[in-house]
């Protein structure tokens, strides 16, 4: 299935989220932090086809994940691709 929502195909959006979700689940201790990060990750995934909405959720996720930068950092280049084009130039 290859559904397109605004600018990006939904199938393109989902590829990065599964390995990131698995790594967070494996490496984040503390159920409250884990639940919060996964909730924010789910929000990013839901918004990945809508760049403006994704940016808001991306910013919230990155701020919350700051204590776990070593886990999240390898995935940032892929996530940044979902930001609006003008924001990518600022990064």
PDB file of N, CA and C in Angstrom:
ATOM      1  N   UNK A   1       0.852  -1.173   0.000  1.00  0.00           N
ATOM      2  CA  UNK A   1       0.000   0.000   0.000  1.00  0.00           C
ATOM      3  C   UNK A   1       0.894   1.231   0.000  1.00  0.00           C
ATOM      4  N   UNK A   2       0.546   2.206  -0.825  1.00  0.00           N
ATOM      5  CA  UNK A   2       1.379   3.391  -0.969  1.00  0.00           C
ATOM      6  C   UNK A   2       0.482   4.624  -0.979  1.00  0.00           C
ATOM      7  N   UNK A   3       0.039   5.051   0.190  1.00  0.00           N
ATOM      8  CA  UNK A   3      -0.862   6.185   0.331  1.00  0.00           C
ATOM      9  C   UNK A   3      -0.026   7.456   0.436  1.00  0.00           C
ATOM     10  N   UNK A   4      -0.428   8.496  -0.274  1.00  0.00           N
ATOM     11  CA  UNK A   4       0.282   9.765  -0.172  1.00  0.00           C
ATOM     12  C   UNK A   4      -0.587  10.766   0.563  1.00  0.00           C
ATOM     13  N   UNK A   5      -0.014  11.399   1.574  1.00  0.00           N
ATOM     14  CA  UNK A   5      -0.699  12.435   2.316  1.00  0.00           C
ATOM     15  C   UNK A   5       0.125  13.699   2.155  1.00  0.00           C
ATOM     16  N   UNK A   6      -0.423  14.698   1.539  1.00  0.00           N
ATOM     17  CA  UNK A   6       0.272  15.935   1.207  1.00  0.00           C
ATOM     18  C   UNK A   6       1.554  15.630   0.454  1.00  0.00           C
ATOM     19  N   UNK A   7       2.706  15.861   1.056  1.00  0.00           N
ATOM     20  CA  UNK A   7       3.974  15.786   0.332  1.00  0.00           C
ATOM     21  C   UNK A   7       4.639  14.427   0.342  1.00  0.00           C
ATOM     22  N   UNK A   8       4.386  13.605   1.315  1.00  0.00           N
ATOM     23  CA  UNK A   8       5.181  12.395   1.482  1.00  0.00           C
ATOM     24  C   UNK A   8       4.318  11.146   1.538  1.00  0.00           C
ATOM     25  N   UNK A   9       4.783  10.075   0.901  1.00  0.00           N
ATOM     26  CA  UNK A   9       4.056   8.811   1.010  1.00  0.00           C
ATOM     27  C   UNK A   9       4.145   8.268   2.433  1.00  0.00           C
ATOM     28  N   UNK A  10       3.041   7.771   2.937  1.00  0.00           N
ATOM     29  CA  UNK A  10       2.999   7.238   4.295  1.00  0.00           C
ATOM     30  C   UNK A  10       3.983   6.086   4.453  1.00  0.00           C
ATOM     31  N   UNK A  11       4.147   5.254   3.433  1.00  0.00           N
ATOM     32  CA  UNK A  11       5.071   4.125   3.543  1.00  0.00           C
ATOM     33  C   UNK A  11       6.503   4.590   3.768  1.00  0.00           C
ATOM     34  N   UNK A  12       6.887   5.735   3.229  1.00  0.00           N
ATOM     35  CA  UNK A  12       8.220   6.291   3.435  1.00  0.00           C
ATOM     36  C   UNK A  12       8.402   6.704   4.891  1.00  0.00           C
ATOM     37  N   UNK A  13       7.348   7.186   5.481  1.00  0.00           N
ATOM     38  CA  UNK A  13       7.412   7.686   6.857  1.00  0.00           C
ATOM     39  C   UNK A  13       7.695   6.588   7.874  1.00  0.00           C
ATOM     40  N   UNK A  14       7.170   5.430   7.670  1.00  0.00           N
ATOM     41  CA  UNK A  14       7.185   4.422   8.726  1.00  0.00           C
ATOM     42  C   UNK A  14       8.526   3.724   8.926  1.00  0.00           C
ATOM     43  N   UNK A  15       9.399   3.725   7.933  1.00  0.00           N
ATOM     44  CA  UNK A  15      10.623   2.928   7.991  1.00  0.00           C
ATOM     45  C   UNK A  15      11.528   3.260   9.177  1.00  0.00           C
ATOM     46  N   UNK A  16      11.695   4.499   9.516  1.00  0.00           N
ATOM     47  CA  UNK A  16      12.627   4.887  10.576  1.00  0.00           C
ATOM     48  C   UNK A  16      12.052   4.645  11.976  1.00  0.00           C
ATOM     49  N   UNK A  17      10.753   4.604  12.102  1.00  0.00           N
ATOM     50  CA  UNK A  17      10.146   4.571  13.431  1.00  0.00           C
ATOM     51  C   UNK A  17      10.246   3.218  14.126  1.00  0.00           C
ATOM     52  N   UNK A  18      10.155   2.139  13.398  1.00  0.00           N
ATOM     53  CA  UNK A  18      10.227   0.817  14.030  1.00  0.00           C
ATOM     54  C   UNK A  18      11.574   0.573  14.704  1.00  0.00           C
ATOM     55  N   UNK A  19      12.713   0.766  14.021  1.00  0.00           N
ATOM     56  CA  UNK A  19      13.986   0.537  14.716  1.00  0.00           C
ATOM     57  C   UNK A  19      14.232   1.523  15.857  1.00  0.00           C
ATOM     58  N   UNK A  20      13.772   2.758  15.711  1.00  0.00           N
ATOM     59  CA  UNK A  20      13.934   3.728  16.800  1.00  0.00           C
ATOM     60  C   UNK A  20      13.087   3.309  17.996  1.00  0.00           C
ATOM     61  N   UNK A  21      11.861   2.893  17.736  1.00  0.00           N
ATOM     62  CA  UNK A  21      10.975   2.433  18.822  1.00  0.00           C
ATOM     63  C   UNK A  21      11.593   1.233  19.547  1.00  0.00           C
ATOM     64  N   UNK A  22      12.142   0.294  18.779  1.00  0.00           N
ATOM     65  CA  UNK A  22      12.770  -0.890  19.388  1.00  0.00           C
ATOM     66  C   UNK A  22      13.978  -0.507  20.235  1.00  0.00           C
ATOM     67  N   UNK A  23      14.785   0.414  19.737  1.00  0.00           N
ATOM     68  CA  UNK A  23      15.978   0.820  20.493  1.00  0.00           C
ATOM     69  C   UNK A  23      15.600   1.554  21.774  1.00  0.00           C
ATOM     70  N   UNK A  24      14.621   2.429  21.699  1.00  0.00           N
ATOM     71  CA  UNK A  24      14.157   3.132  22.895  1.00  0.00           C
ATOM     72  C   UNK A  24      13.635   2.122  23.905  1.00  0.00           C
ATOM     73  N   UNK A  25      12.808   1.187  23.464  1.00  0.00           N
ATOM     74  CA  UNK A  25      12.237   0.182  24.369  1.00  0.00           C
ATOM     75  C   UNK A  25      13.320  -0.663  25.025  1.00  0.00           C
ATOM     76  N   UNK A  26      14.384  -0.932  24.293  1.00  0.00           N
ATOM     77  CA  UNK A  26      15.471  -1.769  24.800  1.00  0.00           C
ATOM     78  C   UNK A  26      16.393  -1.010  25.765  1.00  0.00           C
ATOM     79  N   UNK A  27      16.612   0.281  25.526  1.00  0.00           N
ATOM     80  CA  UNK A  27      17.665   0.988  26.241  1.00  0.00           C
ATOM     81  C   UNK A  27      17.214   2.042  27.247  1.00  0.00           C
ATOM     82  N   UNK A  28      15.958   2.412  27.247  1.00  0.00           N
ATOM     83  CA  UNK A  28      15.486   3.423  28.195  1.00  0.00           C
ATOM     84  C   UNK A  28      14.945   2.714  29.427  1.00  0.00           C
ATOM     85  N   UNK A  29      15.522   3.051  30.564  1.00  0.00           N
ATOM     86  CA  UNK A  29      15.022   2.472  31.813  1.00  0.00           C
ATOM     87  C   UNK A  29      14.034   3.459  32.433  1.00  0.00           C
ATOM     88  N   UNK A  30      13.139   2.930  33.196  1.00  0.00           N
ATOM     89  CA  UNK A  30      12.125   3.769  33.827  1.00  0.00           C
ATOM     90  C   UNK A  30      10.865   3.791  32.986  1.00  0.00           C
ATOM     91  N   UNK A  31       9.825   3.220  33.507  1.00  0.00           N
ATOM     92  CA  UNK A  31       8.603   3.051  32.723  1.00  0.00           C
ATOM     93  C   UNK A  31       7.954   4.380  32.351  1.00  0.00           C
ATOM     94  N   UNK A  32       8.027   5.388  33.213  1.00  0.00           N
ATOM     95  CA  UNK A  32       7.406   6.676  32.897  1.00  0.00           C
ATOM     96  C   UNK A  32       8.132   7.352  31.734  1.00  0.00           C
ATOM     97  N   UNK A  33       9.450   7.351  31.759  1.00  0.00           N
ATOM     98  CA  UNK A  33      10.227   7.948  30.671  1.00  0.00           C
ATOM     99  C   UNK A  33      10.001   7.183  29.377  1.00  0.00           C
ATOM    100  N   UNK A  34      10.026   5.866  29.455  1.00  0.00           N
ATOM    101  CA  UNK A  34       9.810   5.028  28.284  1.00  0.00           C
ATOM    102  C   UNK A  34       8.438   5.319  27.671  1.00  0.00           C
ATOM    103  N   UNK A  35       7.412   5.339  28.487  1.00  0.00           N
ATOM    104  CA  UNK A  35       6.058   5.600  28.001  1.00  0.00           C
ATOM    105  C   UNK A  35       5.962   6.981  27.356  1.00  0.00           C
ATOM    106  N   UNK A  36       6.589   7.971  27.973  1.00  0.00           N
ATOM    107  CA  UNK A  36       6.536   9.324  27.445  1.00  0.00           C
ATOM    108  C   UNK A  36       7.259   9.425  26.095  1.00  0.00           C
ATOM    109  N   UNK A  37       8.441   8.837  26.001  1.00  0.00           N
ATOM    110  CA  UNK A  37       9.182   8.869  24.735  1.00  0.00           C
ATOM    111  C   UNK A  37       8.431   8.134  23.628  1.00  0.00           C
ATOM    112  N   UNK A  38       7.868   6.989  23.949  1.00  0.00           N
ATOM    113  CA  UNK A  38       7.118   6.237  22.941  1.00  0.00           C
ATOM    114  C   UNK A  38       5.865   6.992  22.497  1.00  0.00           C
ATOM    115  N   UNK A  39       5.222   7.680  23.424  1.00  0.00           N
ATOM    116  CA  UNK A  39       4.048   8.490  23.075  1.00  0.00           C
ATOM    117  C   UNK A  39       4.445   9.603  22.102  1.00  0.00           C
ATOM    118  N   UNK A  40       5.561  10.255  22.379  1.00  0.00           N
ATOM    119  CA  UNK A  40       6.023  11.330  21.508  1.00  0.00           C
ATOM    120  C   UNK A  40       6.501  10.788  20.157  1.00  0.00           C
ATOM    121  N   UNK A  41       7.116   9.628  20.174  1.00  0.00           N
ATOM    122  CA  UNK A  41       7.527   8.980  18.936  1.00  0.00           C
ATOM    123  C   UNK A  41       6.303   8.626  18.088  1.00  0.00           C
ATOM    124  N   UNK A  42       5.274   8.112  18.721  1.00  0.00           N
ATOM    125  CA  UNK A  42       4.032   7.795  18.010  1.00  0.00           C
ATOM    126  C   UNK A  42       3.429   9.052  17.381  1.00  0.00           C
ATOM    127  N   UNK A  43       3.489  10.157  18.111  1.00  0.00           N
ATOM    128  CA  UNK A  43       2.988  11.420  17.572  1.00  0.00           C
ATOM    129  C   UNK A  43       3.759  11.859  16.348  1.00  0.00           C
ATOM    130  N   UNK A  44       5.082  11.690  16.385  1.00  0.00           N
ATOM    131  CA  UNK A  44       5.887  12.022  15.203  1.00  0.00           C
ATOM    132  C   UNK A  44       5.500  11.147  14.032  1.00  0.00           C
ATOM    133  N   UNK A  45       5.339   9.867  14.283  1.00  0.00           N
ATOM    134  CA  UNK A  45       5.002   8.947  13.197  1.00  0.00           C
ATOM    135  C   UNK A  45       3.651   9.306  12.586  1.00  0.00           C
ATOM    136  N   UNK A  46       2.688   9.638  13.411  1.00  0.00           N
ATOM    137  CA  UNK A  46       1.367  10.007  12.906  1.00  0.00           C
ATOM    138  C   UNK A  46       1.425  11.264  12.039  1.00  0.00           C
ATOM    139  N   UNK A  47       2.378  12.148  12.333  1.00  0.00           N
ATOM    140  CA  UNK A  47       2.460  13.428  11.626  1.00  0.00           C
ATOM    141  C   UNK A  47       3.516  13.454  10.528  1.00  0.00           C
ATOM    142  N   UNK A  48       4.209  12.362  10.290  1.00  0.00           N
ATOM    143  CA  UNK A  48       5.371  12.408   9.397  1.00  0.00           C
ATOM    144  C   UNK A  48       5.039  12.796   7.969  1.00  0.00           C
ATOM    145  N   UNK A  49       3.846  12.589   7.514  1.00  0.00           N
ATOM    146  CA  UNK A  49       3.479  12.965   6.150  1.00  0.00           C
ATOM    147  C   UNK A  49       3.057  14.429   6.047  1.00  0.00           C
ATOM    148  N   UNK A  50       2.977  15.106   7.185  1.00  0.00           N
ATOM    149  CA  UNK A  50       2.571  16.515   7.219  1.00  0.00           C
ATOM    150  C   UNK A  50       3.717  17.324   7.833  1.00  0.00           C
ATOM    151  N   UNK A  51       4.596  17.896   7.014  1.00  0.00           N
ATOM    152  CA  UNK A  51       5.818  18.529   7.518  1.00  0.00           C
ATOM    153  C   UNK A  51       5.625  19.547   8.645  1.00  0.00           C
ATOM    154  N   UNK A  52       4.647  20.417   8.557  1.00  0.00           N
ATOM    155  CA  UNK A  52       4.455  21.428   9.601  1.00  0.00           C
ATOM    156  C   UNK A  52       4.061  20.773  10.930  1.00  0.00           C
ATOM    157  N   UNK A  53       3.169  19.810  10.882  1.00  0.00           N
ATOM    158  CA  UNK A  53       2.765  19.097  12.102  1.00  0.00           C
ATOM    159  C   UNK A  53       3.920  18.255  12.635  1.00  0.00           C
ATOM    160  N   UNK A  54       4.676  17.654  11.720  1.00  0.00           N
ATOM    161  CA  UNK A  54       5.816  16.841  12.137  1.00  0.00           C
ATOM    162  C   UNK A  54       6.840  17.686  12.887  1.00  0.00           C
ATOM    163  N   UNK A  55       7.092  18.903  12.408  1.00  0.00           N
ATOM    164  CA  UNK A  55       8.090  19.758  13.051  1.00  0.00           C
ATOM    165  C   UNK A  55       7.748  20.006  14.514  1.00  0.00           C
ATOM    166  N   UNK A  56       6.499  20.276  14.787  1.00  0.00           N
ATOM    167  CA  UNK A  56       6.065  20.521  16.171  1.00  0.00           C
ATOM    168  C   UNK A  56       6.337  19.287  17.023  1.00  0.00           C
ATOM    169  N   UNK A  57       5.958  18.134  16.540  1.00  0.00           N
ATOM    170  CA  UNK A  57       6.142  16.892  17.302  1.00  0.00           C
ATOM    171  C   UNK A  57       7.609  16.483  17.383  1.00  0.00           C
ATOM    172  N   UNK A  58       8.370  16.754  16.339  1.00  0.00           N
ATOM    173  CA  UNK A  58       9.810  16.500  16.338  1.00  0.00           C
ATOM    174  C   UNK A  58      10.494  17.325  17.426  1.00  0.00           C
ATOM    175  N   UNK A  59      10.183  18.612  17.498  1.00  0.00           N
ATOM    176  CA  UNK A  59      10.785  19.492  18.501  1.00  0.00           C
ATOM    177  C   UNK A  59      10.477  19.008  19.922  1.00  0.00           C
ATOM    178  N   UNK A  60       9.244  18.587  20.153  1.00  0.00           N
ATOM    179  CA  UNK A  60       8.846  18.076  21.474  1.00  0.00           C
ATOM    180  C   UNK A  60       9.603  16.784  21.782  1.00  0.00           C
ATOM    181  N   UNK A  61       9.688  15.887  20.810  1.00  0.00           N
ATOM    182  CA  UNK A  61      10.395  14.624  21.010  1.00  0.00           C
ATOM    183  C   UNK A  61      11.862  14.853  21.318  1.00  0.00           C
ATOM    184  N   UNK A  62      12.522  15.693  20.521  1.00  0.00           N
ATOM    185  CA  UNK A  62      13.953  15.941  20.715  1.00  0.00           C
ATOM    186  C   UNK A  62      14.213  16.567  22.087  1.00  0.00           C
ATOM    187  N   UNK A  63      13.375  17.487  22.506  1.00  0.00           N
ATOM    188  CA  UNK A  63      13.545  18.102  23.832  1.00  0.00           C
ATOM    189  C   UNK A  63      13.410  17.056  24.933  1.00  0.00           C
ATOM    190  N   UNK A  64      12.439  16.173  24.806  1.00  0.00           N
ATOM    191  CA  UNK A  64      12.216  15.143  25.828  1.00  0.00           C
ATOM    192  C   UNK A  64      13.303  14.078  25.804  1.00  0.00           C
ATOM    193  N   UNK A  65      13.839  13.806  24.624  1.00  0.00           N
ATOM    194  CA  UNK A  65      14.841  12.751  24.478  1.00  0.00           C
ATOM    195  C   UNK A  65      16.266  13.237  24.745  1.00  0.00           C
ATOM    196  N   UNK A  66      16.426  14.465  25.153  1.00  0.00           N
ATOM    197  CA  UNK A  66      17.767  15.037  25.352  1.00  0.00           C
ATOM    198  C   UNK A  66      18.631  14.185  26.288  1.00  0.00           C
ATOM    199  N   UNK A  67      18.047  13.608  27.300  1.00  0.00           N
ATOM    200  CA  UNK A  67      18.810  12.764  28.231  1.00  0.00           C
ATOM    201  C   UNK A  67      19.215  11.427  27.608  1.00  0.00           C
ATOM    202  N   UNK A  68      18.683  11.138  26.453  1.00  0.00           N
ATOM    203  CA  UNK A  68      18.967   9.877  25.768  1.00  0.00           C
ATOM    204  C   UNK A  68      19.491  10.139  24.359  1.00  0.00           C
ATOM    205  N   UNK A  69      20.286  11.178  24.230  1.00  0.00           N
ATOM    206  CA  UNK A  69      20.806  11.580  22.919  1.00  0.00           C
ATOM    207  C   UNK A  69      21.577  10.457  22.236  1.00  0.00           C
ATOM    208  N   UNK A  70      22.289   9.650  23.021  1.00  0.00           N
ATOM    209  CA  UNK A  70      23.064   8.551  22.436  1.00  0.00           C
ATOM    210  C   UNK A  70      22.166   7.526  21.740  1.00  0.00           C
ATOM    211  N   UNK A  71      20.944   7.396  22.186  1.00  0.00           N
ATOM    212  CA  UNK A  71      19.990   6.466  21.582  1.00  0.00           C
ATOM    213  C   UNK A  71      19.368   7.078  20.330  1.00  0.00           C
ATOM    214  N   UNK A  72      19.005   8.335  20.422  1.00  0.00           N
ATOM    215  CA  UNK A  72      18.243   9.011  19.375  1.00  0.00           C
ATOM    216  C   UNK A  72      19.130   9.540  18.242  1.00  0.00           C
ATOM    217  N   UNK A  73      20.329   9.971  18.558  1.00  0.00           N
ATOM    218  CA  UNK A  73      21.196  10.650  17.594  1.00  0.00           C
ATOM    219  C   UNK A  73      21.375   9.906  16.266  1.00  0.00           C
ATOM    220  N   UNK A  74      21.590   8.603  16.258  1.00  0.00           N
ATOM    221  CA  UNK A  74      21.769   7.920  14.966  1.00  0.00           C
ATOM    222  C   UNK A  74      20.548   8.015  14.040  1.00  0.00           C
ATOM    223  N   UNK A  75      19.386   8.293  14.601  1.00  0.00           N
ATOM    224  CA  UNK A  75      18.157   8.350  13.817  1.00  0.00           C
ATOM    225  C   UNK A  75      17.819   9.766  13.348  1.00  0.00           C
ATOM    226  N   UNK A  76      18.491  10.768  13.873  1.00  0.00           N
ATOM    227  CA  UNK A  76      18.149  12.151  13.550  1.00  0.00           C
ATOM    228  C   UNK A  76      18.272  12.486  12.064  1.00  0.00           C
ATOM    229  N   UNK A  77      19.324  12.067  11.365  1.00  0.00           N
ATOM    230  CA  UNK A  77      19.377  12.414   9.937  1.00  0.00           C
ATOM    231  C   UNK A  77      18.157  11.927   9.151  1.00  0.00           C
ATOM    232  N   UNK A  78      17.659  10.766   9.484  1.00  0.00           N
ATOM    233  CA  UNK A  78      16.475  10.237   8.800  1.00  0.00           C
ATOM    234  C   UNK A  78      15.227  11.012   9.207  1.00  0.00           C
ATOM    235  N   UNK A  79      15.114  11.360  10.489  1.00  0.00           N
ATOM    236  CA  UNK A  79      13.947  12.099  10.967  1.00  0.00           C
ATOM    237  C   UNK A  79      13.906  13.513  10.396  1.00  0.00           C
ATOM    238  N   UNK A  80      15.057  14.134  10.257  1.00  0.00           N
ATOM    239  CA  UNK A  80      15.133  15.505   9.747  1.00  0.00           C
ATOM    240  C   UNK A  80      14.554  15.601   8.334  1.00  0.00           C
ATOM    241  N   UNK A  81      14.602  14.525   7.595  1.00  0.00           N
ATOM    242  CA  UNK A  81      14.039  14.529   6.235  1.00  0.00           C
ATOM    243  C   UNK A  81      12.546  14.837   6.212  1.00  0.00           C
ATOM    244  N   UNK A  82      11.858  14.610   7.322  1.00  0.00           N
ATOM    245  CA  UNK A  82      10.416  14.848   7.375  1.00  0.00           C
ATOM    246  C   UNK A  82      10.064  16.283   7.762  1.00  0.00           C
ATOM    247  N   UNK A  83      11.074  17.074   8.118  1.00  0.00           N
ATOM    248  CA  UNK A  83      10.825  18.475   8.467  1.00  0.00           C
ATOM    249  C   UNK A  83      10.505  19.256   7.205  1.00  0.00           C
ATOM    250  N   UNK A  84       9.807  20.390   7.360  1.00  0.00           N
ATOM    251  CA  UNK A  84       9.577  21.243   6.191  1.00  0.00           C
ATOM    252  C   UNK A  84      10.912  21.643   5.587  1.00  0.00           C
ATOM    253  N   UNK A  85      10.972  21.786   4.296  1.00  0.00           N
ATOM    254  CA  UNK A  85      12.232  22.047   3.585  1.00  0.00           C
ATOM    255  C   UNK A  85      12.967  23.269   4.120  1.00  0.00           C
ATOM    256  N   UNK A  86      12.290  24.350   4.446  1.00  0.00           N
ATOM    257  CA  UNK A  86      12.971  25.538   4.939  1.00  0.00           C
ATOM    258  C   UNK A  86      13.611  25.296   6.302  1.00  0.00           C
ATOM    259  N   UNK A  87      13.065  24.414   7.121  1.00  0.00           N
ATOM    260  CA  UNK A  87      13.656  24.093   8.416  1.00  0.00           C
ATOM    261  C   UNK A  87      14.890  23.223   8.260  1.00  0.00           C
ATOM    262  N   UNK A  88      14.943  22.380   7.255  1.00  0.00           N
ATOM    263  CA  UNK A  88      16.110  21.533   7.034  1.00  0.00           C
ATOM    264  C   UNK A  88      17.326  22.377   6.720  1.00  0.00           C
ATOM    265  N   UNK A  89      17.156  23.471   6.050  1.00  0.00           N
ATOM    266  CA  UNK A  89      18.278  24.331   5.712  1.00  0.00           C
ATOM    267  C   UNK A  89      18.845  25.005   6.958  1.00  0.00           C
ATOM    268  N   UNK A  90      18.035  25.195   7.988  1.00  0.00           N
ATOM    269  CA  UNK A  90      18.485  25.825   9.231  1.00  0.00           C
ATOM    270  C   UNK A  90      19.234  24.863  10.122  1.00  0.00           C
ATOM    271  N   UNK A  91      18.992  23.557   9.957  1.00  0.00           N
ATOM    272  CA  UNK A  91      19.574  22.543  10.838  1.00  0.00           C
ATOM    273  C   UNK A  91      21.035  22.380  10.593  1.00  0.00           C
TER     274      UNK A  91
END
